[in-house]
């Protein structure tokens, strides 16, 4: 499912216009993104938790040349599904 299909599903379920459903979806994405950018955790009961984790610097190899390269540390978003979501997907 892509963003457009998600908007259509929100529209069907909520009865909102397509324009309003798109605003809702984009608003949710923006709110989650802003919270993660601040280093906050976003927990949605029954769905899951979004958080930011720091990946340590590491050594890797260039697959073409076999040369060792240093991959710097970075911060990445991570999602942990709630038990209810895991059960629904089974």
Protein backbone atom coordinates (compact mmCIF):
# COMPACT_ATOMS: atom_id res chain seq x y z
CA UNK A 1 0.00 0.00 0.00
CA UNK A 2 1.35 3.41 -0.90
CA UNK A 3 0.43 6.85 0.45
CA UNK A 4 -2.32 7.39 -2.14
CA UNK A 5 -3.99 4.07 -1.27
CA UNK A 6 -3.71 4.91 2.43
CA UNK A 7 -5.51 8.21 1.79
CA UNK A 8 -8.27 6.31 -0.05
CA UNK A 9 -8.66 3.88 2.87
CA UNK A 10 -8.86 6.74 5.39
CA UNK A 11 -11.45 8.40 3.15
CA UNK A 12 -13.57 5.23 2.98
CA UNK A 13 -13.37 4.49 6.71
CA UNK A 14 -13.89 8.05 7.95
CA UNK A 15 -16.27 9.43 5.34
CA UNK A 16 -14.01 12.46 4.88
CA UNK A 17 -13.42 14.05 1.50
CA UNK A 18 -10.29 12.91 -0.32
CA UNK A 19 -8.72 16.33 0.32
CA UNK A 20 -9.40 16.13 4.07
CA UNK A 21 -8.24 12.51 4.27
CA UNK A 22 -4.98 13.51 2.59
CA UNK A 23 -4.53 16.32 5.14
CA UNK A 24 -5.05 13.82 7.99
CA UNK A 25 -2.53 11.32 6.61
CA UNK A 26 0.06 14.00 5.88
CA UNK A 27 -0.53 15.55 9.31
CA UNK A 28 0.11 12.23 11.04
CA UNK A 29 3.30 11.66 9.03
CA UNK A 30 4.49 15.18 9.80
CA UNK A 31 3.76 14.84 13.52
CA UNK A 32 5.66 11.53 13.74
CA UNK A 33 8.58 12.92 11.71
CA UNK A 34 8.81 16.06 13.86
CA UNK A 35 8.76 14.06 17.10
CA UNK A 36 11.48 11.70 15.86
CA UNK A 37 13.59 14.64 14.68
CA UNK A 38 13.48 15.94 18.27
CA UNK A 39 14.58 12.52 19.56
CA UNK A 40 11.16 11.73 21.01
CA UNK A 41 9.47 8.34 20.98
CA UNK A 42 6.02 8.03 19.38
CA UNK A 43 3.90 5.26 20.91
CA UNK A 44 0.53 4.47 19.33
CA UNK A 45 -1.42 2.03 21.49
CA UNK A 46 -2.34 -1.15 19.65
CA UNK A 47 -0.15 -0.22 16.66
CA UNK A 48 3.46 0.22 17.72
CA UNK A 49 6.29 2.52 18.71
CA UNK A 50 8.50 4.67 16.54
CA UNK A 51 11.85 5.68 18.02
CA UNK A 52 15.28 6.87 16.99
CA UNK A 53 18.35 4.69 17.52
CA UNK A 54 22.01 5.45 17.00
CA UNK A 55 23.98 3.03 14.87
CA UNK A 56 27.63 2.77 15.82
CA UNK A 57 30.43 3.47 13.37
CA UNK A 58 31.68 0.30 11.71
CA UNK A 59 34.08 -1.03 9.18
CA UNK A 60 32.74 -2.41 5.90
CA UNK A 61 34.07 -3.57 2.55
CA UNK A 62 33.48 -2.19 -0.91
CA UNK A 63 31.99 -5.23 -2.72
CA UNK A 64 33.65 -4.29 -6.04
CA UNK A 65 37.19 -3.67 -4.82
CA UNK A 66 37.27 -5.42 -1.46
CA UNK A 67 38.70 -2.21 0.01
CA UNK A 68 37.93 -1.59 3.70
CA UNK A 69 35.94 1.57 4.34
CA UNK A 70 34.78 3.28 7.52
CA UNK A 71 31.01 3.74 7.81
CA UNK A 72 30.26 6.64 10.19
CA UNK A 73 27.81 6.45 13.09
CA UNK A 74 24.31 7.61 12.25
CA UNK A 75 20.85 8.02 13.72
CA UNK A 76 18.01 6.04 12.13
CA UNK A 77 14.26 5.65 12.79
CA UNK A 78 13.04 2.30 14.06
CA UNK A 79 9.55 0.81 14.45
CA UNK A 80 8.49 -1.84 16.94
CA UNK A 81 5.00 -3.26 16.31
CA UNK A 82 2.57 -3.69 19.20
CA UNK A 83 1.32 -7.13 20.18
CA UNK A 84 -2.12 -6.35 18.71
CA UNK A 85 -0.59 -5.51 15.32
CA UNK A 86 1.53 -8.67 15.35
CA UNK A 87 -1.56 -10.76 16.14
CA UNK A 88 -3.60 -9.08 13.38
CA UNK A 89 -0.94 -9.91 10.79
CA UNK A 90 -0.64 -13.61 11.74
